[in-house]
Amino acid sequence: MRTDTVLKVEAIDLLIKTFGVLETERFITSIKSNNFDYTEWHRELWKDKTIDEIHKMAVEFENKKYNNV
């Protein structure tokens, strides 16, 4: 299992690779400044998806990740 520090560093690296430095900073700032509630956000994020749809999306993401390596 990764330490909290390693997890944070890897997450920031992934955000920067995906969105770039500026958009990553905007994302972090928006979370910090808006009393971001991760649990509520997560609840809303998947509310219209079935477990099968979420699973399919996860499998597709994983396959894409390994095919792009």
PDB file of N, CA and C in Angstrom:
ATOM      1  N   MET A   1       0.850  -1.175   0.000  1.00  0.00           N
ATOM      2  CA  MET A   1       0.000   0.000   0.000  1.00  0.00           C
ATOM      3  C   MET A   1       0.898   1.241   0.000  1.00  0.00           C
ATOM      4  N   ARG A   2       0.496   2.234  -0.778  1.00  0.00           N
ATOM      5  CA  ARG A   2       1.257   3.488  -0.853  1.00  0.00           C
ATOM      6  C   ARG A   2       1.049   4.325   0.411  1.00  0.00           C
ATOM      7  N   THR A   3       2.056   5.096   0.759  1.00  0.00           N
ATOM      8  CA  THR A   3       1.884   6.046   1.863  1.00  0.00           C
ATOM      9  C   THR A   3       1.015   7.203   1.356  1.00  0.00           C
ATOM     10  N   ASP A   4       0.503   7.988   2.283  1.00  0.00           N
ATOM     11  CA  ASP A   4      -0.305   9.155   1.896  1.00  0.00           C
ATOM     12  C   ASP A   4       0.497  10.118   1.025  1.00  0.00           C
ATOM     13  N   THR A   5       1.759  10.303   1.370  1.00  0.00           N
ATOM     14  CA  THR A   5       2.602  11.226   0.603  1.00  0.00           C
ATOM     15  C   THR A   5       2.795  10.731  -0.826  1.00  0.00           C
ATOM     16  N   VAL A   6       3.104   9.468  -0.978  1.00  0.00           N
ATOM     17  CA  VAL A   6       3.296   8.896  -2.317  1.00  0.00           C
ATOM     18  C   VAL A   6       1.999   8.996  -3.114  1.00  0.00           C
ATOM     19  N   LEU A   7       0.892   8.694  -2.486  1.00  0.00           N
ATOM     20  CA  LEU A   7      -0.406   8.779  -3.150  1.00  0.00           C
ATOM     21  C   LEU A   7      -0.679  10.198  -3.647  1.00  0.00           C
ATOM     22  N   LYS A   8      -0.402  11.193  -2.809  1.00  0.00           N
ATOM     23  CA  LYS A   8      -0.625  12.589  -3.202  1.00  0.00           C
ATOM     24  C   LYS A   8       0.272  12.993  -4.363  1.00  0.00           C
ATOM     25  N   VAL A   9       1.533  12.606  -4.296  1.00  0.00           N
ATOM     26  CA  VAL A   9       2.463  12.951  -5.369  1.00  0.00           C
ATOM     27  C   VAL A   9       2.020  12.310  -6.687  1.00  0.00           C
ATOM     28  N   GLU A  10       1.673  11.040  -6.640  1.00  0.00           N
ATOM     29  CA  GLU A  10       1.229  10.353  -7.853  1.00  0.00           C
ATOM     30  C   GLU A  10      -0.058  10.963  -8.405  1.00  0.00           C
ATOM     31  N   ALA A  11      -0.973  11.349  -7.520  1.00  0.00           N
ATOM     32  CA  ALA A  11      -2.226  11.962  -7.952  1.00  0.00           C
ATOM     33  C   ALA A  11      -1.978  13.311  -8.624  1.00  0.00           C
ATOM     34  N   ILE A  12      -1.119  14.119  -8.030  1.00  0.00           N
ATOM     35  CA  ILE A  12      -0.792  15.421  -8.622  1.00  0.00           C
ATOM     36  C   ILE A  12      -0.118  15.226  -9.975  1.00  0.00           C
ATOM     37  N   ASP A  13       0.811  14.277 -10.059  1.00  0.00           N
ATOM     38  CA  ASP A  13       1.468  13.991 -11.337  1.00  0.00           C
ATOM     39  C   ASP A  13       0.463  13.595 -12.401  1.00  0.00           C
ATOM     40  N   LEU A  14      -0.490  12.754 -12.021  1.00  0.00           N
ATOM     41  CA  LEU A  14      -1.521  12.325 -12.962  1.00  0.00           C
ATOM     42  C   LEU A  14      -2.394  13.498 -13.406  1.00  0.00           C
ATOM     43  N   LEU A  15      -2.782  14.342 -12.461  1.00  0.00           N
ATOM     44  CA  LEU A  15      -3.577  15.521 -12.808  1.00  0.00           C
ATOM     45  C   LEU A  15      -2.814  16.430 -13.768  1.00  0.00           C
ATOM     46  N   ILE A  16      -1.548  16.652 -13.500  1.00  0.00           N
ATOM     47  CA  ILE A  16      -0.748  17.526 -14.361  1.00  0.00           C
ATOM     48  C   ILE A  16      -0.608  16.923 -15.755  1.00  0.00           C
ATOM     49  N   LYS A  17      -0.370  15.618 -15.843  1.00  0.00           N
ATOM     50  CA  LYS A  17      -0.264  14.962 -17.152  1.00  0.00           C
ATOM     51  C   LYS A  17      -1.574  15.053 -17.918  1.00  0.00           C
ATOM     52  N   THR A  18      -2.686  14.986 -17.206  1.00  0.00           N
ATOM     53  CA  THR A  18      -3.994  14.989 -17.845  1.00  0.00           C
ATOM     54  C   THR A  18      -4.466  16.393 -18.192  1.00  0.00           C
ATOM     55  N   PHE A  19      -4.310  17.327 -17.264  1.00  0.00           N
ATOM     56  CA  PHE A  19      -4.888  18.657 -17.426  1.00  0.00           C
ATOM     57  C   PHE A  19      -3.878  19.781 -17.617  1.00  0.00           C
ATOM     58  N   GLY A  20      -2.621  19.520 -17.294  1.00  0.00           N
ATOM     59  CA  GLY A  20      -1.624  20.576 -17.316  1.00  0.00           C
ATOM     60  C   GLY A  20      -1.565  21.264 -15.962  1.00  0.00           C
ATOM     61  N   VAL A  21      -0.532  22.071 -15.782  1.00  0.00           N
ATOM     62  CA  VAL A  21      -0.293  22.708 -14.484  1.00  0.00           C
ATOM     63  C   VAL A  21      -1.411  23.691 -14.125  1.00  0.00           C
ATOM     64  N   LEU A  22      -1.794  24.548 -15.047  1.00  0.00           N
ATOM     65  CA  LEU A  22      -2.791  25.570 -14.759  1.00  0.00           C
ATOM     66  C   LEU A  22      -4.138  24.972 -14.363  1.00  0.00           C
ATOM     67  N   GLU A  23      -4.613  24.017 -15.143  1.00  0.00           N
ATOM     68  CA  GLU A  23      -5.912  23.406 -14.829  1.00  0.00           C
ATOM     69  C   GLU A  23      -5.849  22.604 -13.528  1.00  0.00           C
ATOM     70  N   THR A  24      -4.716  21.993 -13.243  1.00  0.00           N
ATOM     71  CA  THR A  24      -4.550  21.274 -11.980  1.00  0.00           C
ATOM     72  C   THR A  24      -4.637  22.241 -10.804  1.00  0.00           C
ATOM     73  N   GLU A  25      -3.974  23.388 -10.930  1.00  0.00           N
ATOM     74  CA  GLU A  25      -4.046  24.409  -9.879  1.00  0.00           C
ATOM     75  C   GLU A  25      -5.477  24.891  -9.692  1.00  0.00           C
ATOM     76  N   ARG A  26      -6.184  25.107 -10.784  1.00  0.00           N
ATOM     77  CA  ARG A  26      -7.594  25.541 -10.688  1.00  0.00           C
ATOM     78  C   ARG A  26      -8.433  24.493  -9.973  1.00  0.00           C
ATOM     79  N   PHE A  27      -8.200  23.226 -10.306  1.00  0.00           N
ATOM     80  CA  PHE A  27      -8.945  22.133  -9.690  1.00  0.00           C
ATOM     81  C   PHE A  27      -8.702  22.092  -8.182  1.00  0.00           C
ATOM     82  N   ILE A  28      -7.440  22.132  -7.789  1.00  0.00           N
ATOM     83  CA  ILE A  28      -7.097  22.084  -6.364  1.00  0.00           C
ATOM     84  C   ILE A  28      -7.670  23.294  -5.629  1.00  0.00           C
ATOM     85  N   THR A  29      -7.558  24.463  -6.232  1.00  0.00           N
ATOM     86  CA  THR A  29      -8.095  25.682  -5.613  1.00  0.00           C
ATOM     87  C   THR A  29      -9.606  25.584  -5.443  1.00  0.00           C
ATOM     88  N   SER A  30     -10.288  25.056  -6.445  1.00  0.00           N
ATOM     89  CA  SER A  30     -11.752  24.956  -6.345  1.00  0.00           C
ATOM     90  C   SER A  30     -12.170  24.006  -5.237  1.00  0.00           C
ATOM     91  N   ILE A  31     -11.423  22.941  -5.049  1.00  0.00           N
ATOM     92  CA  ILE A  31     -11.739  21.998  -3.968  1.00  0.00           C
ATOM     93  C   ILE A  31     -11.494  22.646  -2.606  1.00  0.00           C
ATOM     94  N   LYS A  32     -10.377  23.331  -2.475  1.00  0.00           N
ATOM     95  CA  LYS A  32     -10.023  23.927  -1.193  1.00  0.00           C
ATOM     96  C   LYS A  32     -10.922  25.109  -0.826  1.00  0.00           C
ATOM     97  N   SER A  33     -11.350  25.881  -1.809  1.00  0.00           N
ATOM     98  CA  SER A  33     -12.074  27.115  -1.511  1.00  0.00           C
ATOM     99  C   SER A  33     -13.586  26.946  -1.395  1.00  0.00           C
ATOM    100  N   ASN A  34     -14.106  25.841  -1.835  1.00  0.00           N
ATOM    101  CA  ASN A  34     -15.562  25.667  -1.849  1.00  0.00           C
ATOM    102  C   ASN A  34     -16.068  24.672  -0.817  1.00  0.00           C
ATOM    103  N   ASN A  35     -15.294  24.398   0.210  1.00  0.00           N
ATOM    104  CA  ASN A  35     -15.685  23.393   1.198  1.00  0.00           C
ATOM    105  C   ASN A  35     -16.160  22.128   0.500  1.00  0.00           C
ATOM    106  N   PHE A  36     -15.317  21.631  -0.378  1.00  0.00           N
ATOM    107  CA  PHE A  36     -15.620  20.482  -1.210  1.00  0.00           C
ATOM    108  C   PHE A  36     -15.958  19.271  -0.353  1.00  0.00           C
ATOM    109  N   ASP A  37     -17.095  18.658  -0.625  1.00  0.00           N
ATOM    110  CA  ASP A  37     -17.524  17.457   0.082  1.00  0.00           C
ATOM    111  C   ASP A  37     -17.373  16.283  -0.875  1.00  0.00           C
ATOM    112  N   TYR A  38     -16.262  15.551  -0.740  1.00  0.00           N
ATOM    113  CA  TYR A  38     -15.971  14.452  -1.660  1.00  0.00           C
ATOM    114  C   TYR A  38     -17.082  13.411  -1.666  1.00  0.00           C
ATOM    115  N   THR A  39     -17.611  13.087  -0.500  1.00  0.00           N
ATOM    116  CA  THR A  39     -18.644  12.059  -0.412  1.00  0.00           C
ATOM    117  C   THR A  39     -19.881  12.472  -1.196  1.00  0.00           C
ATOM    118  N   GLU A  40     -20.312  13.709  -1.029  1.00  0.00           N
ATOM    119  CA  GLU A  40     -21.485  14.190  -1.753  1.00  0.00           C
ATOM    120  C   GLU A  40     -21.201  14.258  -3.252  1.00  0.00           C
ATOM    121  N   TRP A  41     -20.030  14.746  -3.624  1.00  0.00           N
ATOM    122  CA  TRP A  41     -19.649  14.822  -5.037  1.00  0.00           C
ATOM    123  C   TRP A  41     -19.674  13.431  -5.659  1.00  0.00           C
ATOM    124  N   HIS A  42     -19.106  12.474  -4.954  1.00  0.00           N
ATOM    125  CA  HIS A  42     -19.049  11.110  -5.464  1.00  0.00           C
ATOM    126  C   HIS A  42     -20.449  10.524  -5.606  1.00  0.00           C
ATOM    127  N   ARG A  43     -21.312  10.819  -4.657  1.00  0.00           N
ATOM    128  CA  ARG A  43     -22.696  10.345  -4.711  1.00  0.00           C
ATOM    129  C   ARG A  43     -23.397  10.885  -5.962  1.00  0.00           C
ATOM    130  N   GLU A  44     -23.207  12.167  -6.230  1.00  0.00           N
ATOM    131  CA  GLU A  44     -23.834  12.807  -7.388  1.00  0.00           C
ATOM    132  C   GLU A  44     -23.214  12.361  -8.710  1.00  0.00           C
ATOM    133  N   LEU A  45     -21.912  12.103  -8.691  1.00  0.00           N
ATOM    134  CA  LEU A  45     -21.194  11.748  -9.909  1.00  0.00           C
ATOM    135  C   LEU A  45     -21.766  10.495 -10.569  1.00  0.00           C
ATOM    136  N   TRP A  46     -22.105   9.518  -9.796  1.00  0.00           N
ATOM    137  CA  TRP A  46     -22.544   8.232 -10.331  1.00  0.00           C
ATOM    138  C   TRP A  46     -24.032   7.959 -10.127  1.00  0.00           C
ATOM    139  N   LYS A  47     -24.813   8.937  -9.774  1.00  0.00           N
ATOM    140  CA  LYS A  47     -26.214   8.690  -9.411  1.00  0.00           C
ATOM    141  C   LYS A  47     -27.053   8.137 -10.561  1.00  0.00           C
ATOM    142  N   ASP A  48     -26.705   8.452 -11.804  1.00  0.00           N
ATOM    143  CA  ASP A  48     -27.490   7.986 -12.943  1.00  0.00           C
ATOM    144  C   ASP A  48     -26.898   6.749 -13.607  1.00  0.00           C
ATOM    145  N   LYS A  49     -25.913   6.135 -12.971  1.00  0.00           N
ATOM    146  CA  LYS A  49     -25.245   4.962 -13.543  1.00  0.00           C
ATOM    147  C   LYS A  49     -25.560   3.718 -12.720  1.00  0.00           C
ATOM    148  N   THR A  50     -25.729   2.605 -13.426  1.00  0.00           N
ATOM    149  CA  THR A  50     -25.882   1.327 -12.726  1.00  0.00           C
ATOM    150  C   THR A  50     -24.498   0.791 -12.396  1.00  0.00           C
ATOM    151  N   ILE A  51     -24.448  -0.198 -11.534  1.00  0.00           N
ATOM    152  CA  ILE A  51     -23.169  -0.799 -11.182  1.00  0.00           C
ATOM    153  C   ILE A  51     -22.535  -1.438 -12.414  1.00  0.00           C
ATOM    154  N   ASP A  52     -23.356  -1.999 -13.297  1.00  0.00           N
ATOM    155  CA  ASP A  52     -22.821  -2.598 -14.525  1.00  0.00           C
ATOM    156  C   ASP A  52     -22.202  -1.543 -15.445  1.00  0.00           C
ATOM    157  N   GLU A  53     -22.820  -0.372 -15.541  1.00  0.00           N
ATOM    158  CA  GLU A  53     -22.268   0.711 -16.355  1.00  0.00           C
ATOM    159  C   GLU A  53     -20.946   1.211 -15.789  1.00  0.00           C
ATOM    160  N   ILE A  54     -20.894   1.350 -14.482  1.00  0.00           N
ATOM    161  CA  ILE A  54     -19.662   1.809 -13.828  1.00  0.00           C
ATOM    162  C   ILE A  54     -18.558   0.774 -14.040  1.00  0.00           C
ATOM    163  N   HIS A  55     -18.897  -0.494 -13.894  1.00  0.00           N
ATOM    164  CA  HIS A  55     -17.917  -1.555 -14.106  1.00  0.00           C
ATOM    165  C   HIS A  55     -17.404  -1.529 -15.547  1.00  0.00           C
ATOM    166  N   LYS A  56     -18.292  -1.391 -16.504  1.00  0.00           N
ATOM    167  CA  LYS A  56     -17.893  -1.337 -17.914  1.00  0.00           C
ATOM    168  C   LYS A  56     -16.947  -0.156 -18.165  1.00  0.00           C
ATOM    169  N   MET A  57     -17.259   1.005 -17.589  1.00  0.00           N
ATOM    170  CA  MET A  57     -16.402   2.181 -17.745  1.00  0.00           C
ATOM    171  C   MET A  57     -15.025   1.921 -17.130  1.00  0.00           C
ATOM    172  N   ALA A  58     -14.991   1.265 -15.990  1.00  0.00           N
ATOM    173  CA  ALA A  58     -13.713   0.971 -15.330  1.00  0.00           C
ATOM    174  C   ALA A  58     -12.881   0.006 -16.171  1.00  0.00           C
ATOM    175  N   VAL A  59     -13.513  -1.013 -16.716  1.00  0.00           N
ATOM    176  CA  VAL A  59     -12.796  -1.971 -17.556  1.00  0.00           C
ATOM    177  C   VAL A  59     -12.261  -1.282 -18.804  1.00  0.00           C
ATOM    178  N   GLU A  60     -13.079  -0.446 -19.435  1.00  0.00           N
ATOM    179  CA  GLU A  60     -12.634   0.281 -20.630  1.00  0.00           C
ATOM    180  C   GLU A  60     -11.470   1.211 -20.302  1.00  0.00           C
ATOM    181  N   PHE A  61     -11.548   1.883 -19.171  1.00  0.00           N
ATOM    182  CA  PHE A  61     -10.460   2.771 -18.754  1.00  0.00           C
ATOM    183  C   PHE A  61      -9.176   1.975 -18.542  1.00  0.00           C
ATOM    184  N   GLU A  62      -9.291   0.860 -17.860  1.00  0.00           N
ATOM    185  CA  GLU A  62      -8.122   0.033 -17.573  1.00  0.00           C
ATOM    186  C   GLU A  62      -7.521  -0.511 -18.873  1.00  0.00           C
ATOM    187  N   ASN A  63      -8.361  -0.963 -19.780  1.00  0.00           N
ATOM    188  CA  ASN A  63      -7.860  -1.469 -21.061  1.00  0.00           C
ATOM    189  C   ASN A  63      -7.182  -0.367 -21.859  1.00  0.00           C
ATOM    190  N   LYS A  64      -7.757   0.809 -21.864  1.00  0.00           N
ATOM    191  CA  LYS A  64      -7.169   1.933 -22.588  1.00  0.00           C
ATOM    192  C   LYS A  64      -5.822   2.309 -21.983  1.00  0.00           C
ATOM    193  N   LYS A  65      -5.757   2.307 -20.663  1.00  0.00           N
ATOM    194  CA  LYS A  65      -4.521   2.662 -19.963  1.00  0.00           C
ATOM    195  C   LYS A  65      -3.393   1.716 -20.366  1.00  0.00           C
ATOM    196  N   TYR A  66      -3.677   0.428 -20.407  1.00  0.00           N
ATOM    197  CA  TYR A  66      -2.632  -0.543 -20.728  1.00  0.00           C
ATOM    198  C   TYR A  66      -2.329  -0.594 -22.221  1.00  0.00           C
ATOM    199  N   ASN A  67      -3.270  -0.251 -23.056  1.00  0.00           N
ATOM    200  CA  ASN A  67      -3.032  -0.236 -24.492  1.00  0.00           C
ATOM    201  C   ASN A  67      -2.216   0.974 -24.924  1.00  0.00           C
ATOM    202  N   ASN A  68      -2.208   2.039 -24.116  1.00  0.00           N
ATOM    203  CA  ASN A  68      -1.467   3.249 -24.450  1.00  0.00           C
ATOM    204  C   ASN A  68      -0.045   3.241 -23.904  1.00  0.00           C
ATOM    205  N   VAL A  69       0.333   2.192 -23.198  1.00  0.00           N
ATOM    206  CA  VAL A  69       1.675   2.130 -22.605  1.00  0.00           C
ATOM    207  C   VAL A  69       2.692   1.743 -23.644  1.00  0.00           C
TER     208      VAL A  69
END
